[in-house]
N, C-alpha and C. Protein backbone atom coordinates (compact mmCIF):
# COMPACT_ATOMS: atom_id res chain seq x y z
N MET A 1 81.38 145.25 55.39
CA MET A 1 81.46 143.92 55.95
C MET A 1 80.22 143.09 55.60
N ARG A 2 79.07 143.73 55.71
CA ARG A 2 77.82 143.04 55.41
C ARG A 2 77.78 142.58 53.95
N SER A 3 78.28 143.44 53.01
CA SER A 3 78.29 143.04 51.60
C SER A 3 79.26 141.90 51.35
N LEU A 4 80.34 141.84 52.10
CA LEU A 4 81.28 140.73 51.95
C LEU A 4 80.63 139.42 52.38
N ILE A 5 79.93 139.45 53.49
CA ILE A 5 79.23 138.25 53.97
C ILE A 5 78.17 137.82 52.97
N LEU A 6 77.42 138.77 52.44
CA LEU A 6 76.41 138.46 51.43
C LEU A 6 77.06 137.86 50.18
N ALA A 7 78.16 138.43 49.74
CA ALA A 7 78.86 137.93 48.55
C ALA A 7 79.36 136.50 48.77
N VAL A 8 79.89 136.23 49.96
CA VAL A 8 80.36 134.88 50.27
C VAL A 8 79.19 133.91 50.28
N GLY A 9 78.08 134.30 50.87
CA GLY A 9 76.89 133.44 50.91
C GLY A 9 76.37 133.12 49.51
N VAL A 10 76.29 134.14 48.67
CA VAL A 10 75.83 133.92 47.29
C VAL A 10 76.81 133.03 46.55
N SER A 11 78.09 133.25 46.74
CA SER A 11 79.11 132.42 46.08
C SER A 11 78.98 130.96 46.49
N LEU A 12 78.79 130.72 47.78
CA LEU A 12 78.62 129.35 48.25
C LEU A 12 77.40 128.70 47.63
N ALA A 13 76.34 129.45 47.48
CA ALA A 13 75.12 128.89 46.89
C ALA A 13 75.32 128.54 45.43
N LEU A 14 76.21 129.25 44.76
CA LEU A 14 76.44 129.01 43.34
C LEU A 14 77.52 127.97 43.07
N VAL A 15 78.35 127.67 44.05
CA VAL A 15 79.48 126.76 43.86
C VAL A 15 79.05 125.36 43.48
N GLY A 16 78.06 124.83 44.14
CA GLY A 16 77.63 123.47 43.83
C GLY A 16 76.61 123.01 44.83
N CYS A 17 76.14 121.83 44.60
CA CYS A 17 75.10 121.28 45.45
C CYS A 17 75.70 120.37 46.50
N ALA A 18 75.14 120.43 47.68
CA ALA A 18 75.54 119.51 48.73
C ALA A 18 75.03 118.12 48.38
N SER A 19 75.77 117.14 48.82
CA SER A 19 75.38 115.76 48.55
C SER A 19 75.12 115.06 49.87
N VAL A 20 74.01 114.37 49.95
CA VAL A 20 73.68 113.56 51.12
C VAL A 20 73.47 112.14 50.64
N PRO A 21 73.65 111.14 51.52
CA PRO A 21 73.37 109.76 51.12
C PRO A 21 71.90 109.63 50.72
N MET A 22 71.67 109.00 49.61
CA MET A 22 70.30 108.88 49.10
C MET A 22 69.67 107.56 49.53
N GLY A 23 68.35 107.57 49.65
CA GLY A 23 67.59 106.38 50.00
C GLY A 23 67.40 105.48 48.79
N ASP A 24 66.80 104.35 49.03
CA ASP A 24 66.53 103.35 48.00
C ASP A 24 65.46 103.85 47.03
N ALA A 25 65.68 103.66 45.73
CA ALA A 25 64.74 104.14 44.70
C ALA A 25 63.36 103.47 44.83
N LYS A 26 63.33 102.20 45.19
CA LYS A 26 62.05 101.50 45.36
C LYS A 26 61.28 102.06 46.56
N GLN A 27 62.00 102.33 47.63
CA GLN A 27 61.36 102.92 48.81
C GLN A 27 60.85 104.33 48.48
N ASP A 28 61.63 105.09 47.71
CA ASP A 28 61.21 106.42 47.28
C ASP A 28 59.88 106.33 46.53
N ALA A 29 59.80 105.41 45.58
CA ALA A 29 58.57 105.24 44.80
C ALA A 29 57.40 104.82 45.69
N ALA A 30 57.65 103.92 46.62
CA ALA A 30 56.59 103.46 47.53
C ALA A 30 56.09 104.60 48.42
N LEU A 31 57.01 105.41 48.94
CA LEU A 31 56.62 106.51 49.81
C LEU A 31 55.83 107.58 49.06
N LYS A 32 56.05 107.67 47.76
CA LYS A 32 55.33 108.67 46.96
C LYS A 32 53.92 108.21 46.56
N THR A 33 53.50 107.03 47.05
CA THR A 33 52.09 106.63 46.90
C THR A 33 51.25 107.21 48.05
N PHE A 34 51.93 107.70 49.08
CA PHE A 34 51.30 108.39 50.21
C PHE A 34 50.24 107.55 50.90
N VAL A 35 50.59 106.30 51.21
CA VAL A 35 49.70 105.41 51.94
C VAL A 35 50.20 105.32 53.38
N ALA A 36 49.36 105.70 54.30
CA ALA A 36 49.73 105.67 55.72
C ALA A 36 49.43 104.30 56.32
N LYS A 37 50.30 103.84 57.20
CA LYS A 37 50.04 102.61 57.94
C LYS A 37 49.01 102.94 59.03
N PRO A 38 48.12 102.00 59.34
CA PRO A 38 47.02 102.31 60.28
C PRO A 38 47.46 102.52 61.73
N ASP A 39 48.59 101.96 62.16
CA ASP A 39 48.96 102.03 63.57
C ASP A 39 50.02 103.07 63.91
N VAL A 40 50.56 103.76 62.90
CA VAL A 40 51.57 104.80 63.13
C VAL A 40 51.23 106.01 62.27
N ALA A 41 51.93 107.11 62.53
CA ALA A 41 51.82 108.30 61.68
C ALA A 41 53.11 108.43 60.89
N GLY A 42 53.03 109.03 59.73
CA GLY A 42 54.22 109.26 58.91
C GLY A 42 54.51 110.74 58.80
N ILE A 43 55.80 111.08 58.90
CA ILE A 43 56.22 112.48 58.78
C ILE A 43 57.20 112.60 57.62
N TYR A 44 56.86 113.44 56.64
CA TYR A 44 57.76 113.79 55.55
C TYR A 44 58.36 115.15 55.86
N VAL A 45 59.68 115.27 55.74
CA VAL A 45 60.35 116.57 55.85
C VAL A 45 61.05 116.78 54.52
N TYR A 46 60.69 117.84 53.81
CA TYR A 46 61.24 118.02 52.46
C TYR A 46 61.81 119.41 52.23
N ARG A 47 62.78 119.46 51.31
CA ARG A 47 63.34 120.70 50.77
C ARG A 47 63.20 120.60 49.25
N ASN A 48 62.27 121.30 48.68
CA ASN A 48 62.03 121.20 47.25
C ASN A 48 62.53 122.40 46.46
N GLU A 49 63.47 123.11 47.02
CA GLU A 49 64.01 124.27 46.32
C GLU A 49 65.52 124.14 46.15
N ASN A 50 66.08 124.93 45.26
CA ASN A 50 67.52 124.90 45.01
C ASN A 50 68.29 125.92 45.82
N PHE A 51 67.61 126.92 46.38
CA PHE A 51 68.29 127.93 47.18
C PHE A 51 68.99 127.24 48.35
N GLY A 52 70.23 127.59 48.61
CA GLY A 52 71.00 126.96 49.67
C GLY A 52 71.46 125.56 49.32
N ALA A 53 71.61 125.29 48.03
CA ALA A 53 71.95 123.95 47.56
C ALA A 53 73.29 123.45 48.09
N ALA A 54 74.18 124.34 48.46
CA ALA A 54 75.50 123.93 48.94
C ALA A 54 75.50 123.54 50.42
N ILE A 55 74.34 123.62 51.06
CA ILE A 55 74.26 123.39 52.50
C ILE A 55 73.41 122.15 52.81
N LYS A 56 73.96 121.27 53.66
CA LYS A 56 73.20 120.14 54.20
C LYS A 56 72.63 120.58 55.54
N MET A 57 71.43 120.11 55.84
CA MET A 57 70.79 120.48 57.11
C MET A 57 70.34 119.23 57.84
N ASP A 58 70.66 119.16 59.12
CA ASP A 58 70.28 118.02 59.95
C ASP A 58 68.82 118.12 60.37
N ILE A 59 68.18 116.95 60.43
CA ILE A 59 66.79 116.86 60.90
C ILE A 59 66.74 115.88 62.06
N GLU A 60 66.04 116.29 63.11
CA GLU A 60 65.84 115.44 64.28
C GLU A 60 64.35 115.28 64.54
N VAL A 61 63.98 114.11 65.06
CA VAL A 61 62.63 113.90 65.57
C VAL A 61 62.80 113.50 67.03
N ASP A 62 62.22 114.29 67.91
CA ASP A 62 62.31 114.06 69.36
C ASP A 62 63.77 113.95 69.82
N GLY A 63 64.63 114.81 69.26
CA GLY A 63 66.03 114.87 69.68
C GLY A 63 66.94 113.82 69.07
N LYS A 64 66.41 112.97 68.20
CA LYS A 64 67.24 111.93 67.56
C LYS A 64 67.42 112.26 66.09
N ASN A 65 68.67 112.32 65.64
CA ASN A 65 68.97 112.64 64.25
C ASN A 65 68.41 111.56 63.34
N ILE A 66 67.65 111.97 62.31
CA ILE A 66 67.11 111.00 61.35
C ILE A 66 67.76 111.13 59.98
N GLY A 67 68.61 112.13 59.79
CA GLY A 67 69.30 112.29 58.51
C GLY A 67 69.52 113.76 58.18
N GLN A 68 69.96 113.97 56.93
CA GLN A 68 70.23 115.32 56.46
C GLN A 68 69.46 115.57 55.17
N THR A 69 69.02 116.81 55.01
CA THR A 69 68.41 117.22 53.76
C THR A 69 69.41 118.04 52.95
N ALA A 70 69.23 118.01 51.65
CA ALA A 70 69.93 118.87 50.71
C ALA A 70 68.87 119.35 49.73
N ALA A 71 69.25 120.14 48.76
CA ALA A 71 68.28 120.63 47.78
C ALA A 71 67.58 119.45 47.11
N LYS A 72 66.26 119.57 46.97
CA LYS A 72 65.42 118.59 46.27
C LYS A 72 65.45 117.20 46.91
N THR A 73 65.50 117.14 48.24
CA THR A 73 65.47 115.86 48.95
C THR A 73 64.39 115.89 50.03
N TYR A 74 64.05 114.69 50.51
CA TYR A 74 63.14 114.59 51.64
C TYR A 74 63.53 113.40 52.51
N LEU A 75 63.07 113.44 53.75
CA LEU A 75 63.23 112.35 54.71
C LEU A 75 61.82 111.89 55.11
N TYR A 76 61.71 110.63 55.51
CA TYR A 76 60.43 110.11 55.97
C TYR A 76 60.66 109.32 57.24
N LYS A 77 59.82 109.57 58.24
CA LYS A 77 59.94 108.88 59.52
C LYS A 77 58.56 108.51 60.04
N GLU A 78 58.41 107.25 60.44
CA GLU A 78 57.17 106.82 61.08
C GLU A 78 57.31 107.03 62.58
N VAL A 79 56.24 107.50 63.21
CA VAL A 79 56.23 107.79 64.64
C VAL A 79 54.98 107.22 65.28
N THR A 80 55.05 107.01 66.57
CA THR A 80 53.88 106.57 67.32
C THR A 80 52.91 107.75 67.46
N PRO A 81 51.64 107.47 67.67
CA PRO A 81 50.69 108.57 67.89
C PRO A 81 51.11 109.39 69.11
N GLY A 82 50.84 110.68 69.06
CA GLY A 82 51.18 111.58 70.16
C GLY A 82 51.99 112.77 69.68
N LYS A 83 52.47 113.54 70.64
CA LYS A 83 53.22 114.77 70.36
C LYS A 83 54.66 114.44 70.01
N HIS A 84 55.15 115.05 68.92
CA HIS A 84 56.54 114.89 68.49
C HIS A 84 57.08 116.25 68.08
N ILE A 85 58.37 116.46 68.34
CA ILE A 85 59.05 117.69 67.97
C ILE A 85 60.02 117.38 66.84
N VAL A 86 59.85 118.07 65.71
CA VAL A 86 60.76 117.94 64.58
C VAL A 86 61.65 119.18 64.59
N THR A 87 62.96 118.95 64.50
CA THR A 87 63.95 120.02 64.59
C THR A 87 64.80 120.06 63.34
N GLY A 88 64.99 121.25 62.80
CA GLY A 88 65.92 121.48 61.70
C GLY A 88 67.12 122.23 62.24
N ARG A 89 68.32 121.73 61.91
CA ARG A 89 69.56 122.37 62.39
C ARG A 89 70.38 122.82 61.20
N SER A 90 70.72 124.08 61.20
CA SER A 90 71.58 124.68 60.19
C SER A 90 72.36 125.76 60.92
N GLU A 91 72.44 126.96 60.33
CA GLU A 91 73.05 128.04 61.08
C GLU A 91 72.20 128.33 62.32
N ASN A 92 70.93 128.06 62.22
CA ASN A 92 70.00 128.23 63.33
C ASN A 92 69.31 126.90 63.64
N VAL A 93 68.50 126.91 64.66
CA VAL A 93 67.71 125.74 65.03
C VAL A 93 66.24 126.17 64.99
N ASP A 94 65.40 125.36 64.33
CA ASP A 94 63.97 125.65 64.30
C ASP A 94 63.21 124.37 64.60
N ASN A 95 62.08 124.50 65.28
CA ASN A 95 61.27 123.35 65.68
C ASN A 95 59.84 123.52 65.20
N VAL A 96 59.19 122.38 64.98
CA VAL A 96 57.76 122.37 64.74
C VAL A 96 57.19 121.17 65.50
N GLU A 97 56.03 121.36 66.09
CA GLU A 97 55.38 120.30 66.85
C GLU A 97 54.33 119.61 65.99
N VAL A 98 54.33 118.29 66.05
CA VAL A 98 53.34 117.49 65.32
C VAL A 98 52.57 116.68 66.36
N ASN A 99 51.25 116.83 66.38
CA ASN A 99 50.40 116.01 67.24
C ASN A 99 49.89 114.87 66.36
N ALA A 100 50.69 113.82 66.30
CA ALA A 100 50.47 112.72 65.35
C ALA A 100 49.28 111.85 65.72
N VAL A 101 48.50 111.52 64.70
CA VAL A 101 47.37 110.61 64.82
C VAL A 101 47.67 109.39 63.97
N ALA A 102 47.44 108.21 64.52
CA ALA A 102 47.69 106.97 63.77
C ALA A 102 46.93 106.98 62.45
N GLY A 103 47.62 106.54 61.40
CA GLY A 103 47.00 106.47 60.08
C GLY A 103 47.05 107.76 59.29
N LYS A 104 47.70 108.81 59.82
CA LYS A 104 47.78 110.09 59.12
C LYS A 104 49.21 110.38 58.69
N LEU A 105 49.33 111.17 57.64
CA LEU A 105 50.63 111.64 57.14
C LEU A 105 50.75 113.14 57.39
N TYR A 106 51.97 113.57 57.74
CA TYR A 106 52.24 114.97 58.00
C TYR A 106 53.39 115.41 57.11
N TYR A 107 53.32 116.68 56.68
CA TYR A 107 54.29 117.21 55.73
C TYR A 107 54.91 118.47 56.30
N ILE A 108 56.24 118.47 56.36
CA ILE A 108 56.96 119.63 56.88
C ILE A 108 57.90 120.13 55.80
N TRP A 109 57.69 121.38 55.40
CA TRP A 109 58.57 122.03 54.42
C TRP A 109 59.71 122.70 55.18
N GLN A 110 60.92 122.35 54.81
CA GLN A 110 62.10 123.00 55.39
C GLN A 110 62.51 124.12 54.45
N GLU A 111 62.11 125.32 54.80
CA GLU A 111 62.44 126.50 53.99
C GLU A 111 63.87 126.92 54.28
N VAL A 112 64.62 127.21 53.23
CA VAL A 112 65.99 127.69 53.37
C VAL A 112 65.92 129.21 53.49
N LYS A 113 66.57 129.72 54.52
CA LYS A 113 66.57 131.16 54.78
C LYS A 113 68.00 131.69 54.70
N MET A 114 68.14 132.95 54.35
CA MET A 114 69.45 133.59 54.32
C MET A 114 69.96 133.67 55.76
N GLY A 115 71.20 133.21 55.96
CA GLY A 115 71.81 133.26 57.27
C GLY A 115 72.94 134.27 57.29
N LEU A 116 73.59 134.40 58.42
CA LEU A 116 74.71 135.34 58.54
C LEU A 116 75.96 134.76 57.88
N MET A 117 76.30 133.52 58.21
CA MET A 117 77.49 132.89 57.62
C MET A 117 77.14 131.85 56.56
N TYR A 118 76.04 131.17 56.72
CA TYR A 118 75.53 130.23 55.71
C TYR A 118 74.03 130.11 55.90
N ALA A 119 73.39 129.25 55.17
CA ALA A 119 71.93 129.20 55.15
C ALA A 119 71.33 128.79 56.49
N GLY A 120 70.22 129.41 56.81
CA GLY A 120 69.42 129.03 57.95
C GLY A 120 68.21 128.23 57.48
N ASN A 121 67.34 127.85 58.41
CA ASN A 121 66.16 127.09 58.03
C ASN A 121 64.95 127.49 58.87
N LYS A 122 63.78 127.27 58.28
CA LYS A 122 62.50 127.51 58.95
C LYS A 122 61.59 126.34 58.58
N LEU A 123 61.03 125.67 59.58
CA LEU A 123 60.15 124.53 59.35
C LEU A 123 58.69 124.99 59.34
N HIS A 124 57.93 124.48 58.35
CA HIS A 124 56.52 124.80 58.22
C HIS A 124 55.72 123.52 58.10
N LEU A 125 54.74 123.31 58.98
CA LEU A 125 53.80 122.21 58.83
C LEU A 125 52.80 122.65 57.77
N VAL A 126 52.75 121.93 56.63
CA VAL A 126 51.93 122.36 55.50
C VAL A 126 50.78 121.38 55.27
N ASP A 127 49.81 121.80 54.47
CA ASP A 127 48.67 120.93 54.18
C ASP A 127 49.06 119.81 53.22
N GLU A 128 48.16 118.85 53.08
CA GLU A 128 48.43 117.65 52.29
C GLU A 128 48.76 117.96 50.83
N ALA A 129 48.01 118.86 50.20
CA ALA A 129 48.24 119.17 48.78
C ALA A 129 49.63 119.77 48.57
N GLN A 130 49.98 120.75 49.37
CA GLN A 130 51.30 121.38 49.25
C GLN A 130 52.40 120.39 49.59
N GLY A 131 52.18 119.58 50.63
CA GLY A 131 53.19 118.61 51.05
C GLY A 131 53.45 117.54 50.00
N LYS A 132 52.39 116.98 49.43
CA LYS A 132 52.57 115.96 48.40
C LYS A 132 53.31 116.53 47.20
N LYS A 133 52.96 117.73 46.80
CA LYS A 133 53.63 118.38 45.67
C LYS A 133 55.13 118.53 45.95
N GLY A 134 55.46 118.99 47.15
CA GLY A 134 56.87 119.18 47.52
C GLY A 134 57.65 117.87 47.56
N VAL A 135 57.03 116.82 48.09
CA VAL A 135 57.69 115.52 48.15
C VAL A 135 57.90 114.97 46.74
N LEU A 136 56.90 115.11 45.89
CA LEU A 136 57.01 114.61 44.51
C LEU A 136 58.11 115.32 43.73
N GLU A 137 58.43 116.55 44.11
CA GLU A 137 59.51 117.31 43.46
C GLU A 137 60.89 116.94 44.00
N SER A 138 60.93 116.05 44.98
CA SER A 138 62.17 115.73 45.70
C SER A 138 62.47 114.24 45.62
N ASN A 139 63.66 113.86 46.07
CA ASN A 139 64.06 112.45 46.12
C ASN A 139 64.40 112.07 47.55
N LEU A 140 64.14 110.82 47.89
CA LEU A 140 64.36 110.32 49.24
C LEU A 140 65.84 110.32 49.60
N ALA A 141 66.17 110.98 50.69
CA ALA A 141 67.51 110.90 51.28
C ALA A 141 67.50 109.78 52.31
N GLU A 142 68.66 109.24 52.59
CA GLU A 142 68.75 108.15 53.56
C GLU A 142 68.25 108.61 54.91
N THR A 143 67.32 107.85 55.47
CA THR A 143 66.72 108.19 56.76
C THR A 143 67.11 107.13 57.78
N LYS A 144 67.55 107.60 58.95
CA LYS A 144 67.96 106.68 60.03
C LYS A 144 66.76 106.20 60.80
């Protein structure tokens, strides 16, 4: 039974890529300059890998859906200073807390994990160098 589930999961990953609504190309280019506004904090959530390409994953900030990620995509959300919870929803739910400071940018890597029926996710708050690299490897998905 376990090998059947694994075979189905691998097959789904190879079938094709999930498609999510994409953001504006000009906004994508502007966000990749990594300039923070002085009165808010910016949060990038990115998936820069192809593993789990057939799966879309929902992202929430403070319980409000801001969009979906797919392989090689990212979302960007400005938040007020203070504590915020970023949630990734897939086969599982994972959270990361961001203590946002005005004028700073935060980078969250959404790692795709092997799930029981389809891909799971794990959120990692990463440093600026790793985060910028991951965002540059990705394209802006439509963010609510």
